[in-house]
Amino acid sequence: MPRFLTIVMHNERTQPTEDPSPELQRRMGELFEEISKAGVMLDMGELTRTPDATRLTWTGGELSQTDGPFTESKEVVGGYTIIQAKDKAEALEWARRFGDIQGLHEDLTAEVRQISED
């Protein structure tokens, strides 16, 4: 079965500072339990904020290093999941269900891409 990476992006400038409500946490916990029982979840994680990040950029073969935060960035990667699904439609459905819950707490974008098996 193919693997899919879902990249979750949000705007750190407008990201809520308060924790999600107990109801939202309960709903997210139920979804994580369901996806785990379905046997499709391979890995997931939330990333630290960009003030703790460093970018390495190669231009013309020359390396430059920039420490965060990255003021020019509107959307940043905040987390990811890697699942194994029968097809892209199933991967999109899991991402949609995540967004339906997490999107109540903050604005976000989720990009779903198949992992190349070459």
N, C-alpha and C. Protein backbone atom coordinates (compact mmCIF):
# COMPACT_ATOMS: atom_id res chain seq x y z
N MET A 1 0.85 -1.19 0.00
CA MET A 1 0.00 0.00 0.00
C MET A 1 0.89 1.24 0.00
N PRO A 2 0.47 2.27 -0.71
CA PRO A 2 1.27 3.50 -0.77
C PRO A 2 1.26 4.26 0.55
N ARG A 3 2.33 5.02 0.76
CA ARG A 3 2.44 5.88 1.93
C ARG A 3 2.19 7.32 1.50
N PHE A 4 1.62 8.10 2.42
CA PHE A 4 1.31 9.49 2.15
C PHE A 4 1.79 10.36 3.31
N LEU A 5 2.35 11.51 2.95
CA LEU A 5 2.78 12.50 3.92
C LEU A 5 1.77 13.64 3.90
N THR A 6 1.25 13.98 5.05
CA THR A 6 0.41 15.17 5.18
C THR A 6 1.22 16.21 5.94
N ILE A 7 1.43 17.34 5.31
CA ILE A 7 2.16 18.45 5.91
C ILE A 7 1.12 19.47 6.37
N VAL A 8 1.14 19.81 7.64
CA VAL A 8 0.18 20.76 8.19
C VAL A 8 0.89 22.10 8.38
N MET A 9 0.34 23.13 7.74
CA MET A 9 0.94 24.46 7.80
C MET A 9 -0.02 25.43 8.48
N HIS A 10 0.56 26.35 9.25
CA HIS A 10 -0.25 27.39 9.89
C HIS A 10 0.54 28.69 9.93
N ASN A 11 -0.13 29.74 10.30
CA ASN A 11 0.47 31.06 10.40
C ASN A 11 0.83 31.29 11.87
N GLU A 12 2.14 31.34 12.17
CA GLU A 12 2.56 31.52 13.57
C GLU A 12 2.11 32.86 14.13
N ARG A 13 1.91 33.86 13.28
CA ARG A 13 1.50 35.19 13.76
C ARG A 13 0.08 35.18 14.30
N THR A 14 -0.77 34.30 13.76
CA THR A 14 -2.17 34.27 14.20
C THR A 14 -2.52 32.99 14.95
N GLN A 15 -1.52 32.17 15.21
CA GLN A 15 -1.77 30.90 15.91
C GLN A 15 -2.22 31.18 17.35
N PRO A 16 -3.26 30.50 17.82
CA PRO A 16 -3.74 30.72 19.19
C PRO A 16 -2.66 30.41 20.22
N THR A 17 -2.65 31.17 21.30
CA THR A 17 -1.69 30.92 22.37
C THR A 17 -2.29 30.02 23.45
N GLU A 18 -3.61 29.94 23.49
CA GLU A 18 -4.25 29.09 24.49
C GLU A 18 -4.34 27.64 23.97
N ASP A 19 -4.41 26.72 24.90
CA ASP A 19 -4.56 25.31 24.54
C ASP A 19 -5.93 25.07 23.92
N PRO A 20 -6.03 24.03 23.09
CA PRO A 20 -7.35 23.67 22.57
C PRO A 20 -8.31 23.34 23.71
N SER A 21 -9.58 23.53 23.47
CA SER A 21 -10.59 23.25 24.50
C SER A 21 -10.59 21.76 24.84
N PRO A 22 -11.09 21.41 26.02
CA PRO A 22 -11.20 19.99 26.37
C PRO A 22 -12.02 19.20 25.35
N GLU A 23 -13.07 19.82 24.79
CA GLU A 23 -13.89 19.15 23.77
C GLU A 23 -13.07 18.86 22.52
N LEU A 24 -12.29 19.84 22.06
CA LEU A 24 -11.47 19.64 20.88
C LEU A 24 -10.41 18.57 21.14
N GLN A 25 -9.80 18.59 22.33
CA GLN A 25 -8.81 17.58 22.68
C GLN A 25 -9.43 16.18 22.71
N ARG A 26 -10.67 16.08 23.22
CA ARG A 26 -11.36 14.79 23.25
C ARG A 26 -11.61 14.28 21.84
N ARG A 27 -12.11 15.17 20.96
CA ARG A 27 -12.39 14.77 19.57
C ARG A 27 -11.12 14.37 18.84
N MET A 28 -10.02 15.10 19.06
CA MET A 28 -8.75 14.76 18.41
C MET A 28 -8.25 13.41 18.94
N GLY A 29 -8.38 13.17 20.22
CA GLY A 29 -7.97 11.89 20.80
C GLY A 29 -8.76 10.74 20.20
N GLU A 30 -10.04 10.92 19.99
CA GLU A 30 -10.87 9.89 19.37
C GLU A 30 -10.42 9.61 17.93
N LEU A 31 -10.09 10.67 17.19
CA LEU A 31 -9.62 10.48 15.82
C LEU A 31 -8.29 9.73 15.80
N PHE A 32 -7.36 10.10 16.68
CA PHE A 32 -6.07 9.41 16.74
C PHE A 32 -6.25 7.95 17.11
N GLU A 33 -7.17 7.66 18.02
CA GLU A 33 -7.45 6.28 18.39
C GLU A 33 -8.01 5.51 17.18
N GLU A 34 -8.92 6.14 16.45
CA GLU A 34 -9.52 5.50 15.28
C GLU A 34 -8.49 5.23 14.19
N ILE A 35 -7.64 6.21 13.90
CA ILE A 35 -6.65 6.02 12.83
C ILE A 35 -5.60 4.98 13.24
N SER A 36 -5.31 4.91 14.54
CA SER A 36 -4.37 3.89 15.02
C SER A 36 -4.99 2.50 14.91
N LYS A 37 -6.24 2.37 15.31
CA LYS A 37 -6.92 1.07 15.22
C LYS A 37 -7.08 0.63 13.76
N ALA A 38 -7.23 1.59 12.85
CA ALA A 38 -7.35 1.26 11.42
C ALA A 38 -6.02 0.76 10.85
N GLY A 39 -4.93 0.97 11.59
CA GLY A 39 -3.63 0.46 11.16
C GLY A 39 -2.97 1.26 10.05
N VAL A 40 -3.39 2.50 9.84
CA VAL A 40 -2.80 3.28 8.76
C VAL A 40 -1.74 4.27 9.24
N MET A 41 -1.75 4.64 10.53
CA MET A 41 -0.80 5.61 11.05
C MET A 41 0.60 5.00 11.17
N LEU A 42 1.58 5.63 10.52
CA LEU A 42 2.96 5.18 10.62
C LEU A 42 3.78 6.10 11.52
N ASP A 43 3.54 7.41 11.43
CA ASP A 43 4.28 8.37 12.25
C ASP A 43 3.53 9.70 12.23
N MET A 44 3.72 10.48 13.27
CA MET A 44 3.14 11.81 13.31
C MET A 44 3.94 12.65 14.28
N GLY A 45 3.90 13.97 14.10
CA GLY A 45 4.61 14.82 15.02
C GLY A 45 4.23 16.28 14.84
N GLU A 46 4.41 17.01 15.92
CA GLU A 46 4.24 18.45 15.90
C GLU A 46 5.63 19.05 15.97
N LEU A 47 5.88 20.09 15.20
CA LEU A 47 7.20 20.69 15.15
C LEU A 47 7.28 21.90 16.07
N THR A 48 8.50 22.20 16.54
CA THR A 48 8.70 23.40 17.35
C THR A 48 8.50 24.62 16.46
N ARG A 49 8.31 25.76 17.08
CA ARG A 49 8.08 27.00 16.34
C ARG A 49 9.36 27.48 15.67
N THR A 50 9.22 28.34 14.68
CA THR A 50 10.37 28.76 13.87
C THR A 50 11.44 29.54 14.62
N PRO A 51 11.18 30.18 15.77
CA PRO A 51 12.31 30.79 16.47
C PRO A 51 13.40 29.79 16.86
N ASP A 52 13.04 28.51 16.93
CA ASP A 52 14.00 27.46 17.27
C ASP A 52 14.57 26.77 16.04
N ALA A 53 14.21 27.23 14.84
CA ALA A 53 14.62 26.57 13.60
C ALA A 53 15.82 27.26 12.96
N THR A 54 16.49 26.53 12.08
CA THR A 54 17.58 27.08 11.27
C THR A 54 17.38 26.58 9.85
N ARG A 55 17.51 27.50 8.89
CA ARG A 55 17.42 27.15 7.47
C ARG A 55 18.81 27.13 6.86
N LEU A 56 19.07 26.10 6.08
CA LEU A 56 20.28 26.01 5.28
C LEU A 56 19.86 26.21 3.83
N THR A 57 20.53 27.13 3.14
CA THR A 57 20.18 27.45 1.75
C THR A 57 21.44 27.38 0.91
N TRP A 58 21.35 26.70 -0.23
CA TRP A 58 22.45 26.63 -1.17
C TRP A 58 22.07 27.45 -2.40
N THR A 59 22.88 28.43 -2.75
CA THR A 59 22.68 29.25 -3.93
C THR A 59 23.99 29.28 -4.70
N GLY A 60 23.96 28.79 -5.94
CA GLY A 60 25.19 28.75 -6.72
C GLY A 60 26.27 27.92 -6.07
N GLY A 61 25.87 26.91 -5.32
CA GLY A 61 26.83 26.04 -4.66
C GLY A 61 27.34 26.58 -3.32
N GLU A 62 26.92 27.78 -2.95
CA GLU A 62 27.35 28.39 -1.69
C GLU A 62 26.27 28.21 -0.62
N LEU A 63 26.70 27.87 0.57
CA LEU A 63 25.80 27.62 1.69
C LEU A 63 25.63 28.87 2.53
N SER A 64 24.38 29.18 2.88
CA SER A 64 24.11 30.21 3.88
C SER A 64 23.20 29.60 4.95
N GLN A 65 23.31 30.12 6.14
CA GLN A 65 22.53 29.62 7.27
C GLN A 65 21.76 30.77 7.89
N THR A 66 20.45 30.59 8.13
CA THR A 66 19.61 31.62 8.71
C THR A 66 18.88 31.03 9.91
N ASP A 67 19.02 31.66 11.06
CA ASP A 67 18.29 31.23 12.25
C ASP A 67 16.92 31.89 12.27
N GLY A 68 15.94 31.15 12.78
CA GLY A 68 14.58 31.67 12.86
C GLY A 68 14.45 32.70 13.96
N PRO A 69 13.32 33.39 14.03
CA PRO A 69 12.14 33.19 13.19
C PRO A 69 12.34 33.77 11.79
N PHE A 70 11.54 33.32 10.87
CA PHE A 70 11.65 33.72 9.48
C PHE A 70 10.53 34.70 9.17
N THR A 71 10.83 35.97 9.25
CA THR A 71 9.81 37.01 9.16
C THR A 71 9.11 37.05 7.81
N GLU A 72 9.77 36.55 6.76
CA GLU A 72 9.14 36.58 5.44
C GLU A 72 8.12 35.46 5.24
N SER A 73 8.07 34.53 6.16
CA SER A 73 7.17 33.38 6.02
C SER A 73 5.79 33.71 6.57
N LYS A 74 4.77 33.48 5.76
CA LYS A 74 3.40 33.60 6.24
C LYS A 74 2.93 32.27 6.81
N GLU A 75 3.09 31.21 6.04
CA GLU A 75 2.71 29.88 6.51
C GLU A 75 3.97 29.07 6.76
N VAL A 76 3.98 28.34 7.87
CA VAL A 76 5.11 27.48 8.19
C VAL A 76 4.60 26.08 8.49
N VAL A 77 5.46 25.11 8.31
CA VAL A 77 5.10 23.73 8.62
C VAL A 77 5.06 23.59 10.14
N GLY A 78 3.94 23.12 10.64
CA GLY A 78 3.76 22.97 12.08
C GLY A 78 3.70 21.52 12.53
N GLY A 79 3.45 20.61 11.59
CA GLY A 79 3.37 19.20 11.95
C GLY A 79 3.20 18.35 10.72
N TYR A 80 3.17 17.05 10.94
CA TYR A 80 3.08 16.11 9.82
C TYR A 80 2.48 14.80 10.29
N THR A 81 1.96 14.04 9.35
CA THR A 81 1.61 12.64 9.57
C THR A 81 2.10 11.84 8.37
N ILE A 82 2.46 10.61 8.63
CA ILE A 82 2.77 9.66 7.56
C ILE A 82 1.83 8.49 7.77
N ILE A 83 1.01 8.23 6.75
CA ILE A 83 0.07 7.11 6.84
C ILE A 83 0.28 6.19 5.65
N GLN A 84 -0.23 4.99 5.81
CA GLN A 84 -0.25 4.02 4.71
C GLN A 84 -1.72 3.80 4.39
N ALA A 85 -2.11 4.20 3.19
CA ALA A 85 -3.51 4.13 2.79
C ALA A 85 -3.64 3.38 1.47
N LYS A 86 -4.85 2.91 1.19
CA LYS A 86 -5.04 2.16 -0.05
C LYS A 86 -4.89 3.04 -1.28
N ASP A 87 -5.22 4.36 -1.13
CA ASP A 87 -5.11 5.28 -2.26
C ASP A 87 -5.15 6.71 -1.75
N LYS A 88 -5.00 7.66 -2.67
CA LYS A 88 -4.97 9.08 -2.30
C LYS A 88 -6.31 9.51 -1.71
N ALA A 89 -7.39 8.97 -2.19
CA ALA A 89 -8.71 9.34 -1.68
C ALA A 89 -8.81 9.04 -0.18
N GLU A 90 -8.30 7.89 0.23
CA GLU A 90 -8.34 7.54 1.65
C GLU A 90 -7.43 8.48 2.46
N ALA A 91 -6.25 8.78 1.92
CA ALA A 91 -5.33 9.71 2.60
C ALA A 91 -5.97 11.08 2.75
N LEU A 92 -6.64 11.55 1.72
CA LEU A 92 -7.32 12.84 1.78
C LEU A 92 -8.45 12.83 2.80
N GLU A 93 -9.14 11.73 2.91
CA GLU A 93 -10.23 11.63 3.88
C GLU A 93 -9.70 11.75 5.31
N TRP A 94 -8.58 11.08 5.63
CA TRP A 94 -8.00 11.20 6.97
C TRP A 94 -7.55 12.64 7.22
N ALA A 95 -6.93 13.28 6.24
CA ALA A 95 -6.49 14.67 6.39
C ALA A 95 -7.69 15.60 6.58
N ARG A 96 -8.76 15.36 5.83
CA ARG A 96 -9.97 16.18 5.97
C ARG A 96 -10.54 16.06 7.37
N ARG A 97 -10.58 14.84 7.89
CA ARG A 97 -11.15 14.63 9.22
C ARG A 97 -10.31 15.32 10.30
N PHE A 98 -8.99 15.29 10.14
CA PHE A 98 -8.11 16.02 11.05
C PHE A 98 -8.41 17.52 10.99
N GLY A 99 -8.47 18.06 9.76
CA GLY A 99 -8.71 19.49 9.58
C GLY A 99 -10.07 19.92 10.09
N ASP A 100 -11.07 19.06 9.96
CA ASP A 100 -12.41 19.38 10.46
C ASP A 100 -12.39 19.64 11.97
N ILE A 101 -11.49 18.96 12.67
CA ILE A 101 -11.39 19.15 14.12
C ILE A 101 -10.41 20.27 14.45
N GLN A 102 -9.16 20.16 13.99
CA GLN A 102 -8.13 21.14 14.33
C GLN A 102 -8.46 22.53 13.77
N GLY A 103 -9.16 22.57 12.64
CA GLY A 103 -9.54 23.83 12.03
C GLY A 103 -10.52 24.64 12.86
N LEU A 104 -11.12 24.03 13.88
CA LEU A 104 -11.97 24.77 14.81
C LEU A 104 -11.13 25.60 15.78
N HIS A 105 -9.86 25.22 15.96
CA HIS A 105 -8.96 25.88 16.91
C HIS A 105 -8.08 26.94 16.23
N GLU A 106 -7.68 26.67 14.99
CA GLU A 106 -6.79 27.59 14.29
C GLU A 106 -6.95 27.41 12.78
N ASP A 107 -6.59 28.43 12.04
CA ASP A 107 -6.57 28.33 10.58
C ASP A 107 -5.36 27.49 10.19
N LEU A 108 -5.55 26.60 9.24
CA LEU A 108 -4.45 25.75 8.82
C LEU A 108 -4.65 25.29 7.39
N THR A 109 -3.57 24.81 6.81
CA THR A 109 -3.58 24.21 5.48
C THR A 109 -2.91 22.86 5.60
N ALA A 110 -3.47 21.85 4.96
CA ALA A 110 -2.87 20.52 4.96
C ALA A 110 -2.59 20.12 3.52
N GLU A 111 -1.36 19.75 3.26
CA GLU A 111 -0.94 19.29 1.93
C GLU A 111 -0.69 17.79 2.01
N VAL A 112 -1.34 17.02 1.14
CA VAL A 112 -1.19 15.57 1.12
C VAL A 112 -0.41 15.17 -0.12
N ARG A 113 0.67 14.43 0.09
CA ARG A 113 1.52 14.00 -1.03
C ARG A 113 1.90 12.55 -0.86
N GLN A 114 1.87 11.81 -1.94
CA GLN A 114 2.30 10.42 -1.90
C GLN A 114 3.82 10.37 -1.82
N ILE A 115 4.33 9.45 -1.02
CA ILE A 115 5.77 9.27 -0.89
C ILE A 115 6.24 8.37 -2.01
N SER A 116 7.22 8.83 -2.76
CA SER A 116 7.75 8.06 -3.89
C SER A 116 8.43 6.80 -3.39
N GLU A 117 8.12 5.71 -4.01
CA GLU A 117 8.69 4.42 -3.59
C GLU A 117 9.80 3.97 -4.52
N ASP A 118 10.33 4.88 -5.36
CA ASP A 118 11.39 4.53 -6.31
C ASP A 118 12.69 4.23 -5.63
